[in-house]
Amino acid sequence: MELKEKLGLLNEKSSVAEIQEYIKDMKKARKFDGVTIEREMMLFVEEIGELAKAIRKSTKGCLDISKEYDTSVEEELADCFIYLLNIANMNNVDIFKAFKEKEKKNCDRVWK
């Protein structure tokens, strides 16, 4: 099945595991499956920086008014999500399971 077809099968009711599996297939199809974990992490941090800039732009933070900014919070969040899921894949982490386990611990913490 082609990548576009696999993407077409995903919808708002798709599980995190299904999306995580799609990311694995997507990385392989685009021949990014040989990227090292260190490089993937560096690219993820770069995307977080782009997200920060998009948020600053959307909240009218200090910007160079002579420059055209072509970033959106939505797109940068999607990029960060893709990198996060791929880093999970590279470490054999079921991100949903990790989320549930971590949040159980957080529920027992005392927050102020």
PDB file of N, CA and C in Angstrom:
ATOM      1  N   MET A   1       0.848  -1.172   0.000  1.00  0.00           N
ATOM      2  CA  MET A   1       0.000   0.000   0.000  1.00  0.00           C
ATOM      3  C   MET A   1       0.902   1.246   0.000  1.00  0.00           C
ATOM      4  N   GLU A   2       0.551   2.209  -0.819  1.00  0.00           N
ATOM      5  CA  GLU A   2       1.319   3.444  -0.898  1.00  0.00           C
ATOM      6  C   GLU A   2       1.097   4.305   0.336  1.00  0.00           C
ATOM      7  N   LEU A   3       2.063   5.168   0.575  1.00  0.00           N
ATOM      8  CA  LEU A   3       2.020   6.038   1.748  1.00  0.00           C
ATOM      9  C   LEU A   3       0.774   6.917   1.748  1.00  0.00           C
ATOM     10  N   LYS A   4       0.418   7.464   0.590  1.00  0.00           N
ATOM     11  CA  LYS A   4      -0.757   8.334   0.501  1.00  0.00           C
ATOM     12  C   LYS A   4      -2.024   7.573   0.879  1.00  0.00           C
ATOM     13  N   GLU A   5      -2.089   6.311   0.499  1.00  0.00           N
ATOM     14  CA  GLU A   5      -3.244   5.475   0.850  1.00  0.00           C
ATOM     15  C   GLU A   5      -3.290   5.243   2.357  1.00  0.00           C
ATOM     16  N   LYS A   6      -2.118   4.970   2.942  1.00  0.00           N
ATOM     17  CA  LYS A   6      -2.044   4.767   4.392  1.00  0.00           C
ATOM     18  C   LYS A   6      -2.474   6.032   5.121  1.00  0.00           C
ATOM     19  N   LEU A   7      -2.038   7.176   4.619  1.00  0.00           N
ATOM     20  CA  LEU A   7      -2.442   8.445   5.227  1.00  0.00           C
ATOM     21  C   LEU A   7      -3.953   8.631   5.135  1.00  0.00           C
ATOM     22  N   GLY A   8      -4.518   8.242   4.004  1.00  0.00           N
ATOM     23  CA  GLY A   8      -5.963   8.354   3.813  1.00  0.00           C
ATOM     24  C   GLY A   8      -6.776   7.514   4.789  1.00  0.00           C
ATOM     25  N   LEU A   9      -6.171   6.457   5.307  1.00  0.00           N
ATOM     26  CA  LEU A   9      -6.868   5.596   6.281  1.00  0.00           C
ATOM     27  C   LEU A   9      -6.901   6.212   7.678  1.00  0.00           C
ATOM     28  N   LEU A  10      -6.007   7.176   7.933  1.00  0.00           N
ATOM     29  CA  LEU A  10      -5.995   7.836   9.248  1.00  0.00           C
ATOM     30  C   LEU A  10      -7.088   8.886   9.310  1.00  0.00           C
ATOM     31  N   ASN A  11      -7.705   9.005  10.478  1.00  0.00           N
ATOM     32  CA  ASN A  11      -8.717  10.045  10.692  1.00  0.00           C
ATOM     33  C   ASN A  11      -8.687  10.463  12.157  1.00  0.00           C
ATOM     34  N   GLU A  12      -9.592  11.337  12.544  1.00  0.00           N
ATOM     35  CA  GLU A  12      -9.597  11.870  13.911  1.00  0.00           C
ATOM     36  C   GLU A  12      -9.828  10.798  14.975  1.00  0.00           C
ATOM     37  N   LYS A  13     -10.277   9.618  14.568  1.00  0.00           N
ATOM     38  CA  LYS A  13     -10.479   8.529  15.520  1.00  0.00           C
ATOM     39  C   LYS A  13      -9.324   7.523  15.520  1.00  0.00           C
ATOM     40  N   SER A  14      -8.288   7.798  14.722  1.00  0.00           N
ATOM     41  CA  SER A  14      -7.132   6.905  14.676  1.00  0.00           C
ATOM     42  C   SER A  14      -6.415   6.928  16.016  1.00  0.00           C
ATOM     43  N   SER A  15      -5.898   5.781  16.409  1.00  0.00           N
ATOM     44  CA  SER A  15      -5.180   5.699  17.674  1.00  0.00           C
ATOM     45  C   SER A  15      -3.776   6.282  17.515  1.00  0.00           C
ATOM     46  N   VAL A  16      -3.176   6.625  18.629  1.00  0.00           N
ATOM     47  CA  VAL A  16      -1.796   7.094  18.615  1.00  0.00           C
ATOM     48  C   VAL A  16      -0.898   5.996  18.045  1.00  0.00           C
ATOM     49  N   ALA A  17      -1.182   4.742  18.362  1.00  0.00           N
ATOM     50  CA  ALA A  17      -0.403   3.621  17.841  1.00  0.00           C
ATOM     51  C   ALA A  17      -0.485   3.553  16.315  1.00  0.00           C
ATOM     52  N   GLU A  18      -1.645   3.809  15.756  1.00  0.00           N
ATOM     53  CA  GLU A  18      -1.797   3.804  14.298  1.00  0.00           C
ATOM     54  C   GLU A  18      -0.997   4.949  13.669  1.00  0.00           C
ATOM     55  N   ILE A  19      -1.038   6.101  14.288  1.00  0.00           N
ATOM     56  CA  ILE A  19      -0.275   7.245  13.779  1.00  0.00           C
ATOM     57  C   ILE A  19       1.219   6.972  13.913  1.00  0.00           C
ATOM     58  N   GLN A  20       1.613   6.400  15.035  1.00  0.00           N
ATOM     59  CA  GLN A  20       3.021   6.068  15.263  1.00  0.00           C
ATOM     60  C   GLN A  20       3.497   5.067  14.209  1.00  0.00           C
ATOM     61  N   GLU A  21       2.665   4.098  13.847  1.00  0.00           N
ATOM     62  CA  GLU A  21       3.014   3.131  12.811  1.00  0.00           C
ATOM     63  C   GLU A  21       3.121   3.808  11.447  1.00  0.00           C
ATOM     64  N   TYR A  22       2.223   4.745  11.174  1.00  0.00           N
ATOM     65  CA  TYR A  22       2.294   5.496   9.912  1.00  0.00           C
ATOM     66  C   TYR A  22       3.618   6.261   9.827  1.00  0.00           C
ATOM     67  N   ILE A  23       4.038   6.870  10.927  1.00  0.00           N
ATOM     68  CA  ILE A  23       5.296   7.625  10.950  1.00  0.00           C
ATOM     69  C   ILE A  23       6.459   6.688  10.615  1.00  0.00           C
ATOM     70  N   LYS A  24       6.431   5.485  11.154  1.00  0.00           N
ATOM     71  CA  LYS A  24       7.480   4.502  10.852  1.00  0.00           C
ATOM     72  C   LYS A  24       7.505   4.197   9.348  1.00  0.00           C
ATOM     73  N   ASP A  25       6.336   3.979   8.759  1.00  0.00           N
ATOM     74  CA  ASP A  25       6.239   3.701   7.329  1.00  0.00           C
ATOM     75  C   ASP A  25       6.670   4.911   6.498  1.00  0.00           C
ATOM     76  N   MET A  26       6.286   6.095   6.943  1.00  0.00           N
ATOM     77  CA  MET A  26       6.614   7.320   6.225  1.00  0.00           C
ATOM     78  C   MET A  26       8.119   7.547   6.199  1.00  0.00           C
ATOM     79  N   LYS A  27       8.779   7.352   7.339  1.00  0.00           N
ATOM     80  CA  LYS A  27      10.231   7.535   7.405  1.00  0.00           C
ATOM     81  C   LYS A  27      10.939   6.565   6.464  1.00  0.00           C
ATOM     82  N   LYS A  28      10.440   5.332   6.412  1.00  0.00           N
ATOM     83  CA  LYS A  28      11.043   4.317   5.537  1.00  0.00           C
ATOM     84  C   LYS A  28      10.808   4.683   4.064  1.00  0.00           C
ATOM     85  N   ALA A  29       9.595   5.065   3.727  1.00  0.00           N
ATOM     86  CA  ALA A  29       9.251   5.408   2.346  1.00  0.00           C
ATOM     87  C   ALA A  29      10.061   6.595   1.833  1.00  0.00           C
ATOM     88  N   ARG A  30      10.345   7.538   2.704  1.00  0.00           N
ATOM     89  CA  ARG A  30      11.112   8.730   2.306  1.00  0.00           C
ATOM     90  C   ARG A  30      12.612   8.551   2.493  1.00  0.00           C
ATOM     91  N   LYS A  31      12.990   7.337   2.856  1.00  0.00           N
ATOM     92  CA  LYS A  31      14.393   6.964   3.053  1.00  0.00           C
ATOM     93  C   LYS A  31      15.071   7.786   4.166  1.00  0.00           C
ATOM     94  N   PHE A  32      14.296   8.099   5.193  1.00  0.00           N
ATOM     95  CA  PHE A  32      14.831   8.774   6.381  1.00  0.00           C
ATOM     96  C   PHE A  32      15.071   7.783   7.511  1.00  0.00           C
ATOM     97  N   ASP A  33      14.879   6.492   7.255  1.00  0.00           N
ATOM     98  CA  ASP A  33      14.991   5.503   8.318  1.00  0.00           C
ATOM     99  C   ASP A  33      16.442   5.239   8.725  1.00  0.00           C
ATOM    100  N   GLY A  34      17.406   5.807   8.013  1.00  0.00           N
ATOM    101  CA  GLY A  34      18.812   5.648   8.385  1.00  0.00           C
ATOM    102  C   GLY A  34      19.350   6.796   9.221  1.00  0.00           C
ATOM    103  N   VAL A  35      18.492   7.750   9.548  1.00  0.00           N
ATOM    104  CA  VAL A  35      18.904   8.908  10.334  1.00  0.00           C
ATOM    105  C   VAL A  35      19.217   8.465  11.763  1.00  0.00           C
ATOM    106  N   THR A  36      20.299   8.969  12.316  1.00  0.00           N
ATOM    107  CA  THR A  36      20.671   8.609  13.690  1.00  0.00           C
ATOM    108  C   THR A  36      19.739   9.282  14.687  1.00  0.00           C
ATOM    109  N   ILE A  37      19.671   8.728  15.869  1.00  0.00           N
ATOM    110  CA  ILE A  37      18.839   9.303  16.934  1.00  0.00           C
ATOM    111  C   ILE A  37      19.327  10.711  17.293  1.00  0.00           C
ATOM    112  N   GLU A  38      20.638  10.923  17.251  1.00  0.00           N
ATOM    113  CA  GLU A  38      21.179  12.252  17.573  1.00  0.00           C
ATOM    114  C   GLU A  38      20.709  13.289  16.548  1.00  0.00           C
ATOM    115  N   ARG A  39      20.750  12.923  15.277  1.00  0.00           N
ATOM    116  CA  ARG A  39      20.294  13.850  14.232  1.00  0.00           C
ATOM    117  C   ARG A  39      18.789  14.080  14.345  1.00  0.00           C
ATOM    118  N   GLU A  40      18.040  13.028  14.605  1.00  0.00           N
ATOM    119  CA  GLU A  40      16.587  13.159  14.747  1.00  0.00           C
ATOM    120  C   GLU A  40      16.257  14.106  15.900  1.00  0.00           C
ATOM    121  N   MET A  41      16.992  13.968  16.999  1.00  0.00           N
ATOM    122  CA  MET A  41      16.766  14.846  18.150  1.00  0.00           C
ATOM    123  C   MET A  41      17.106  16.293  17.805  1.00  0.00           C
ATOM    124  N   MET A  42      18.192  16.494  17.066  1.00  0.00           N
ATOM    125  CA  MET A  42      18.572  17.835  16.652  1.00  0.00           C
ATOM    126  C   MET A  42      17.481  18.453  15.763  1.00  0.00           C
ATOM    127  N   LEU A  43      16.950  17.670  14.842  1.00  0.00           N
ATOM    128  CA  LEU A  43      15.879  18.159  13.975  1.00  0.00           C
ATOM    129  C   LEU A  43      14.615  18.468  14.783  1.00  0.00           C
ATOM    130  N   PHE A  44      14.330  17.654  15.788  1.00  0.00           N
ATOM    131  CA  PHE A  44      13.173  17.889  16.658  1.00  0.00           C
ATOM    132  C   PHE A  44      13.314  19.215  17.401  1.00  0.00           C
ATOM    133  N   VAL A  45      14.497  19.455  17.951  1.00  0.00           N
ATOM    134  CA  VAL A  45      14.738  20.709  18.686  1.00  0.00           C
ATOM    135  C   VAL A  45      14.621  21.901  17.733  1.00  0.00           C
ATOM    136  N   GLU A  46      15.092  21.737  16.508  1.00  0.00           N
ATOM    137  CA  GLU A  46      14.964  22.795  15.503  1.00  0.00           C
ATOM    138  C   GLU A  46      13.496  23.104  15.246  1.00  0.00           C
ATOM    139  N   GLU A  47      12.676  22.064  15.139  1.00  0.00           N
ATOM    140  CA  GLU A  47      11.236  22.267  14.929  1.00  0.00           C
ATOM    141  C   GLU A  47      10.588  22.950  16.127  1.00  0.00           C
ATOM    142  N   ILE A  48      11.048  22.642  17.327  1.00  0.00           N
ATOM    143  CA  ILE A  48      10.518  23.316  18.515  1.00  0.00           C
ATOM    144  C   ILE A  48      10.819  24.808  18.433  1.00  0.00           C
ATOM    145  N   GLY A  49      12.023  25.150  17.944  1.00  0.00           N
ATOM    146  CA  GLY A  49      12.370  26.555  17.741  1.00  0.00           C
ATOM    147  C   GLY A  49      11.447  27.217  16.728  1.00  0.00           C
ATOM    148  N   GLU A  50      11.132  26.511  15.656  1.00  0.00           N
ATOM    149  CA  GLU A  50      10.207  27.050  14.655  1.00  0.00           C
ATOM    150  C   GLU A  50       8.811  27.223  15.241  1.00  0.00           C
ATOM    151  N   LEU A  51       8.404  26.309  16.111  1.00  0.00           N
ATOM    152  CA  LEU A  51       7.117  26.444  16.793  1.00  0.00           C
ATOM    153  C   LEU A  51       7.122  27.676  17.685  1.00  0.00           C
ATOM    154  N   ALA A  52       8.221  27.879  18.409  1.00  0.00           N
ATOM    155  CA  ALA A  52       8.324  29.058  19.275  1.00  0.00           C
ATOM    156  C   ALA A  52       8.193  30.335  18.454  1.00  0.00           C
ATOM    157  N   LYS A  53       8.843  30.383  17.300  1.00  0.00           N
ATOM    158  CA  LYS A  53       8.757  31.567  16.442  1.00  0.00           C
ATOM    159  C   LYS A  53       7.338  31.769  15.929  1.00  0.00           C
ATOM    160  N   ALA A  54       6.675  30.675  15.539  1.00  0.00           N
ATOM    161  CA  ALA A  54       5.301  30.777  15.047  1.00  0.00           C
ATOM    162  C   ALA A  54       4.368  31.293  16.138  1.00  0.00           C
ATOM    163  N   ILE A  55       4.571  30.840  17.368  1.00  0.00           N
ATOM    164  CA  ILE A  55       3.740  31.322  18.479  1.00  0.00           C
ATOM    165  C   ILE A  55       4.022  32.793  18.738  1.00  0.00           C
ATOM    166  N   ARG A  56       5.305  33.158  18.717  1.00  0.00           N
ATOM    167  CA  ARG A  56       5.664  34.572  18.925  1.00  0.00           C
ATOM    168  C   ARG A  56       5.024  35.420  17.840  1.00  0.00           C
ATOM    169  N   LYS A  57       5.068  34.951  16.596  1.00  0.00           N
ATOM    170  CA  LYS A  57       4.462  35.684  15.489  1.00  0.00           C
ATOM    171  C   LYS A  57       2.954  35.820  15.688  1.00  0.00           C
ATOM    172  N   SER A  58       2.305  34.730  16.092  1.00  0.00           N
ATOM    173  CA  SER A  58       0.845  34.746  16.230  1.00  0.00           C
ATOM    174  C   SER A  58       0.374  35.585  17.409  1.00  0.00           C
ATOM    175  N   THR A  59       1.266  35.824  18.370  1.00  0.00           N
ATOM    176  CA  THR A  59       0.879  36.639  19.537  1.00  0.00           C
ATOM    177  C   THR A  59       1.447  38.052  19.438  1.00  0.00           C
ATOM    178  N   LYS A  60       1.921  38.407  18.242  1.00  0.00           N
ATOM    179  CA  LYS A  60       2.444  39.750  17.968  1.00  0.00           C
ATOM    180  C   LYS A  60       3.661  40.094  18.813  1.00  0.00           C
ATOM    181  N   GLY A  61       4.516  39.092  19.040  1.00  0.00           N
ATOM    182  CA  GLY A  61       5.779  39.340  19.732  1.00  0.00           C
ATOM    183  C   GLY A  61       6.700  40.161  18.847  1.00  0.00           C
ATOM    184  N   CYS A  62       7.861  40.486  19.332  1.00  0.00           N
ATOM    185  CA  CYS A  62       8.812  41.295  18.568  1.00  0.00           C
ATOM    186  C   CYS A  62       9.226  40.552  17.297  1.00  0.00           C
ATOM    187  N   LEU A  63       8.978  41.181  16.164  1.00  0.00           N
ATOM    188  CA  LEU A  63       9.305  40.581  14.883  1.00  0.00           C
ATOM    189  C   LEU A  63       9.961  41.613  13.985  1.00  0.00           C
ATOM    190  N   ASP A  64      10.757  41.150  13.058  1.00  0.00           N
ATOM    191  CA  ASP A  64      11.328  41.990  12.010  1.00  0.00           C
ATOM    192  C   ASP A  64      10.189  42.289  11.039  1.00  0.00           C
ATOM    193  N   ILE A  65       9.662  43.513  11.055  1.00  0.00           N
ATOM    194  CA  ILE A  65       8.490  43.827  10.233  1.00  0.00           C
ATOM    195  C   ILE A  65       8.815  43.900   8.737  1.00  0.00           C
ATOM    196  N   SER A  66      10.100  43.894   8.401  1.00  0.00           N
ATOM    197  CA  SER A  66      10.475  43.922   6.985  1.00  0.00           C
ATOM    198  C   SER A  66      10.557  42.513   6.394  1.00  0.00           C
ATOM    199  N   LYS A  67      10.421  41.491   7.232  1.00  0.00           N
ATOM    200  CA  LYS A  67      10.560  40.105   6.782  1.00  0.00           C
ATOM    201  C   LYS A  67       9.201  39.427   6.720  1.00  0.00           C
ATOM    202  N   GLU A  68       9.021  38.590   5.708  1.00  0.00           N
ATOM    203  CA  GLU A  68       7.803  37.801   5.566  1.00  0.00           C
ATOM    204  C   GLU A  68       7.982  36.485   6.309  1.00  0.00           C
ATOM    205  N   TYR A  69       7.100  36.180   7.245  1.00  0.00           N
ATOM    206  CA  TYR A  69       7.175  34.932   7.998  1.00  0.00           C
ATOM    207  C   TYR A  69       6.113  33.985   7.470  1.00  0.00           C
ATOM    208  N   ASP A  70       6.553  32.810   7.054  1.00  0.00           N
ATOM    209  CA  ASP A  70       5.631  31.841   6.475  1.00  0.00           C
ATOM    210  C   ASP A  70       5.573  30.596   7.351  1.00  0.00           C
ATOM    211  N   THR A  71       5.165  30.777   8.596  1.00  0.00           N
ATOM    212  CA  THR A  71       5.034  29.636   9.495  1.00  0.00           C
ATOM    213  C   THR A  71       3.688  29.730  10.208  1.00  0.00           C
ATOM    214  N   SER A  72       3.149  28.570  10.537  1.00  0.00           N
ATOM    215  CA  SER A  72       1.909  28.566  11.292  1.00  0.00           C
ATOM    216  C   SER A  72       2.092  27.660  12.504  1.00  0.00           C
ATOM    217  N   VAL A  73       1.427  28.016  13.575  1.00  0.00           N
ATOM    218  CA  VAL A  73       1.488  27.211  14.791  1.00  0.00           C
ATOM    219  C   VAL A  73       1.020  25.790  14.484  1.00  0.00           C
ATOM    220  N   GLU A  74      -0.028  25.660  13.707  1.00  0.00           N
ATOM    221  CA  GLU A  74      -0.579  24.338  13.375  1.00  0.00           C
ATOM    222  C   GLU A  74       0.457  23.464  12.661  1.00  0.00           C
ATOM    223  N   GLU A  75       1.117  24.020  11.643  1.00  0.00           N
ATOM    224  CA  GLU A  75       2.110  23.240  10.902  1.00  0.00           C
ATOM    225  C   GLU A  75       3.313  22.883  11.763  1.00  0.00           C
ATOM    226  N   GLU A  76       3.767  23.814  12.591  1.00  0.00           N
ATOM    227  CA  GLU A  76       4.940  23.547  13.427  1.00  0.00           C
ATOM    228  C   GLU A  76       4.617  22.521  14.512  1.00  0.00           C
ATOM    229  N   LEU A  77       3.401  22.566  15.050  1.00  0.00           N
ATOM    230  CA  LEU A  77       2.988  21.533  16.009  1.00  0.00           C
ATOM    231  C   LEU A  77       2.969  20.165  15.344  1.00  0.00           C
ATOM    232  N   ALA A  78       2.480  20.114  14.113  1.00  0.00           N
ATOM    233  CA  ALA A  78       2.455  18.842  13.375  1.00  0.00           C
ATOM    234  C   ALA A  78       3.873  18.322  13.164  1.00  0.00           C
ATOM    235  N   ASP A  79       4.800  19.214  12.780  1.00  0.00           N
ATOM    236  CA  ASP A  79       6.193  18.801  12.597  1.00  0.00           C
ATOM    237  C   ASP A  79       6.771  18.249  13.900  1.00  0.00           C
ATOM    238  N   CYS A  80       6.513  18.939  15.007  1.00  0.00           N
ATOM    239  CA  CYS A  80       7.019  18.478  16.309  1.00  0.00           C
ATOM    240  C   CYS A  80       6.431  17.114  16.664  1.00  0.00           C
ATOM    241  N   PHE A  81       5.150  16.930  16.399  1.00  0.00           N
ATOM    242  CA  PHE A  81       4.474  15.658  16.678  1.00  0.00           C
ATOM    243  C   PHE A  81       5.105  14.528  15.869  1.00  0.00           C
ATOM    244  N   ILE A  82       5.381  14.790  14.592  1.00  0.00           N
ATOM    245  CA  ILE A  82       6.010  13.789  13.729  1.00  0.00           C
ATOM    246  C   ILE A  82       7.374  13.394  14.285  1.00  0.00           C
ATOM    247  N   TYR A  83       8.197  14.382  14.625  1.00  0.00           N
ATOM    248  CA  TYR A  83       9.523  14.078  15.156  1.00  0.00           C
ATOM    249  C   TYR A  83       9.433  13.351  16.492  1.00  0.00           C
ATOM    250  N   LEU A  84       8.510  13.767  17.349  1.00  0.00           N
ATOM    251  CA  LEU A  84       8.351  13.112  18.650  1.00  0.00           C
ATOM    252  C   LEU A  84       7.995  11.634  18.474  1.00  0.00           C
ATOM    253  N   LEU A  85       7.046  11.360  17.601  1.00  0.00           N
ATOM    254  CA  LEU A  85       6.657   9.965  17.380  1.00  0.00           C
ATOM    255  C   LEU A  85       7.791   9.166  16.757  1.00  0.00           C
ATOM    256  N   ASN A  86       8.564   9.784  15.875  1.00  0.00           N
ATOM    257  CA  ASN A  86       9.678   9.044  15.294  1.00  0.00           C
ATOM    258  C   ASN A  86      10.761   8.763  16.331  1.00  0.00           C
ATOM    259  N   ILE A  87      11.023   9.709  17.208  1.00  0.00           N
ATOM    260  CA  ILE A  87      12.000   9.468  18.279  1.00  0.00           C
ATOM    261  C   ILE A  87      11.508   8.326  19.166  1.00  0.00           C
ATOM    262  N   ALA A  88      10.211   8.294  19.429  1.00  0.00           N
ATOM    263  CA  ALA A  88       9.644   7.174  20.190  1.00  0.00           C
ATOM    264  C   ALA A  88       9.875   5.864  19.436  1.00  0.00           C
ATOM    265  N   ASN A  89       9.613   5.864  18.134  1.00  0.00           N
ATOM    266  CA  ASN A  89       9.835   4.657  17.325  1.00  0.00           C
ATOM    267  C   ASN A  89      11.292   4.216  17.376  1.00  0.00           C
ATOM    268  N   MET A  90      12.191   5.169  17.269  1.00  0.00           N
ATOM    269  CA  MET A  90      13.623   4.852  17.248  1.00  0.00           C
ATOM    270  C   MET A  90      14.087   4.251  18.573  1.00  0.00           C
ATOM    271  N   ASN A  91      13.339   4.513  19.639  1.00  0.00           N
ATOM    272  CA  ASN A  91      13.664   3.989  20.963  1.00  0.00           C
ATOM    273  C   ASN A  91      12.736   2.854  21.382  1.00  0.00           C
ATOM    274  N   ASN A  92      11.948   2.351  20.429  1.00  0.00           N
ATOM    275  CA  ASN A  92      10.991   1.270  20.706  1.00  0.00           C
ATOM    276  C   ASN A  92      10.060   1.600  21.867  1.00  0.00           C
ATOM    277  N   VAL A  93       9.557   2.821  21.874  1.00  0.00           N
ATOM    278  CA  VAL A  93       8.654   3.288  22.923  1.00  0.00           C
ATOM    279  C   VAL A  93       7.239   3.386  22.363  1.00  0.00           C
ATOM    280  N   ASP A  94       6.302   2.744  23.016  1.00  0.00           N
ATOM    281  CA  ASP A  94       4.886   2.911  22.716  1.00  0.00           C
ATOM    282  C   ASP A  94       4.488   4.206  23.405  1.00  0.00           C
ATOM    283  N   ILE A  95       4.353   5.282  22.644  1.00  0.00           N
ATOM    284  CA  ILE A  95       4.169   6.616  23.228  1.00  0.00           C
ATOM    285  C   ILE A  95       2.866   6.713  24.015  1.00  0.00           C
ATOM    286  N   PHE A  96       1.817   6.005  23.587  1.00  0.00           N
ATOM    287  CA  PHE A  96       0.558   6.036  24.342  1.00  0.00           C
ATOM    288  C   PHE A  96       0.738   5.384  25.701  1.00  0.00           C
ATOM    289  N   LYS A  97       1.387   4.228  25.707  1.00  0.00           N
ATOM    290  CA  LYS A  97       1.642   3.532  26.970  1.00  0.00           C
ATOM    291  C   LYS A  97       2.518   4.391  27.885  1.00  0.00           C
ATOM    292  N   ALA A  98       3.549   5.005  27.322  1.00  0.00           N
ATOM    293  CA  ALA A  98       4.442   5.865  28.111  1.00  0.00           C
ATOM    294  C   ALA A  98       3.666   7.052  28.689  1.00  0.00           C
ATOM    295  N   PHE A  99       2.779   7.630  27.873  1.00  0.00           N
ATOM    296  CA  PHE A  99       1.946   8.746  28.331  1.00  0.00           C
ATOM    297  C   PHE A  99       1.073   8.317  29.509  1.00  0.00           C
ATOM    298  N   LYS A 100       0.388   7.172  29.362  1.00  0.00           N
ATOM    299  CA  LYS A 100      -0.505   6.698  30.428  1.00  0.00           C
ATOM    300  C   LYS A 100       0.259   6.439  31.721  1.00  0.00           C
ATOM    301  N   GLU A 101       1.415   5.775  31.616  1.00  0.00           N
ATOM    302  CA  GLU A 101       2.213   5.463  32.806  1.00  0.00           C
ATOM    303  C   GLU A 101       2.716   6.735  33.481  1.00  0.00           C
ATOM    304  N   LYS A 102       3.172   7.678  32.692  1.00  0.00           N
ATOM    305  CA  LYS A 102       3.687   8.933  33.257  1.00  0.00           C
ATOM    306  C   LYS A 102       2.553   9.732  33.893  1.00  0.00           C
ATOM    307  N   GLU A 103       1.412   9.767  33.240  1.00  0.00           N
ATOM    308  CA  GLU A 103       0.300  10.545  33.778  1.00  0.00           C
ATOM    309  C   GLU A 103      -0.264   9.923  35.048  1.00  0.00           C
ATOM    310  N   LYS A 104      -0.199   8.596  35.178  1.00  0.00           N
ATOM    311  CA  LYS A 104      -0.597   7.948  36.436  1.00  0.00           C
ATOM    312  C   LYS A 104       0.281   8.447  37.573  1.00  0.00           C
ATOM    313  N   LYS A 105       1.590   8.541  37.325  1.00  0.00           N
ATOM    314  CA  LYS A 105       2.513   9.076  38.336  1.00  0.00           C
ATOM    315  C   LYS A 105       2.185  10.528  38.645  1.00  0.00           C
ATOM    316  N   ASN A 106       1.901  11.300  37.603  1.00  0.00           N
ATOM    317  CA  ASN A 106       1.582  12.720  37.802  1.00  0.00           C
ATOM    318  C   ASN A 106       0.304  12.908  38.612  1.00  0.00           C
ATOM    319  N   CYS A 107      -0.639  12.007  38.457  1.00  0.00           N
ATOM    320  CA  CYS A 107      -1.898  12.098  39.215  1.00  0.00           C
ATOM    321  C   CYS A 107      -1.669  11.924  40.715  1.00  0.00           C
ATOM    322  N   ASP A 108      -0.599  11.231  41.072  1.00  0.00           N
ATOM    323  CA  ASP A 108      -0.298  11.006  42.495  1.00  0.00           C
ATOM    324  C   ASP A 108       0.565  12.119  43.103  1.00  0.00           C
ATOM    325  N   ARG A 109       1.010  13.026  42.257  1.00  0.00           N
ATOM    326  CA  ARG A 109       1.851  14.130  42.758  1.00  0.00           C
ATOM    327  C   ARG A 109       0.995  15.231  43.361  1.00  0.00           C
ATOM    328  N   VAL A 110       1.574  16.020  44.227  1.00  0.00           N
ATOM    329  CA  VAL A 110       0.886  17.165  44.829  1.00  0.00           C
ATOM    330  C   VAL A 110       1.316  18.414  44.063  1.00  0.00           C
ATOM    331  N   TRP A 111       0.343  19.052  43.453  1.00  0.00           N
ATOM    332  CA  TRP A 111       0.630  20.223  42.613  1.00  0.00           C
ATOM    333  C   TRP A 111       0.202  21.502  43.311  1.00  0.00           C
ATOM    334  N   LYS A 112       0.983  22.534  43.190  1.00  0.00           N
ATOM    335  CA  LYS A 112       0.634  23.856  43.763  1.00  0.00           C
ATOM    336  C   LYS A 112       0.508  24.873  42.679  1.00  0.00           C
TER     337      LYS A 112
END
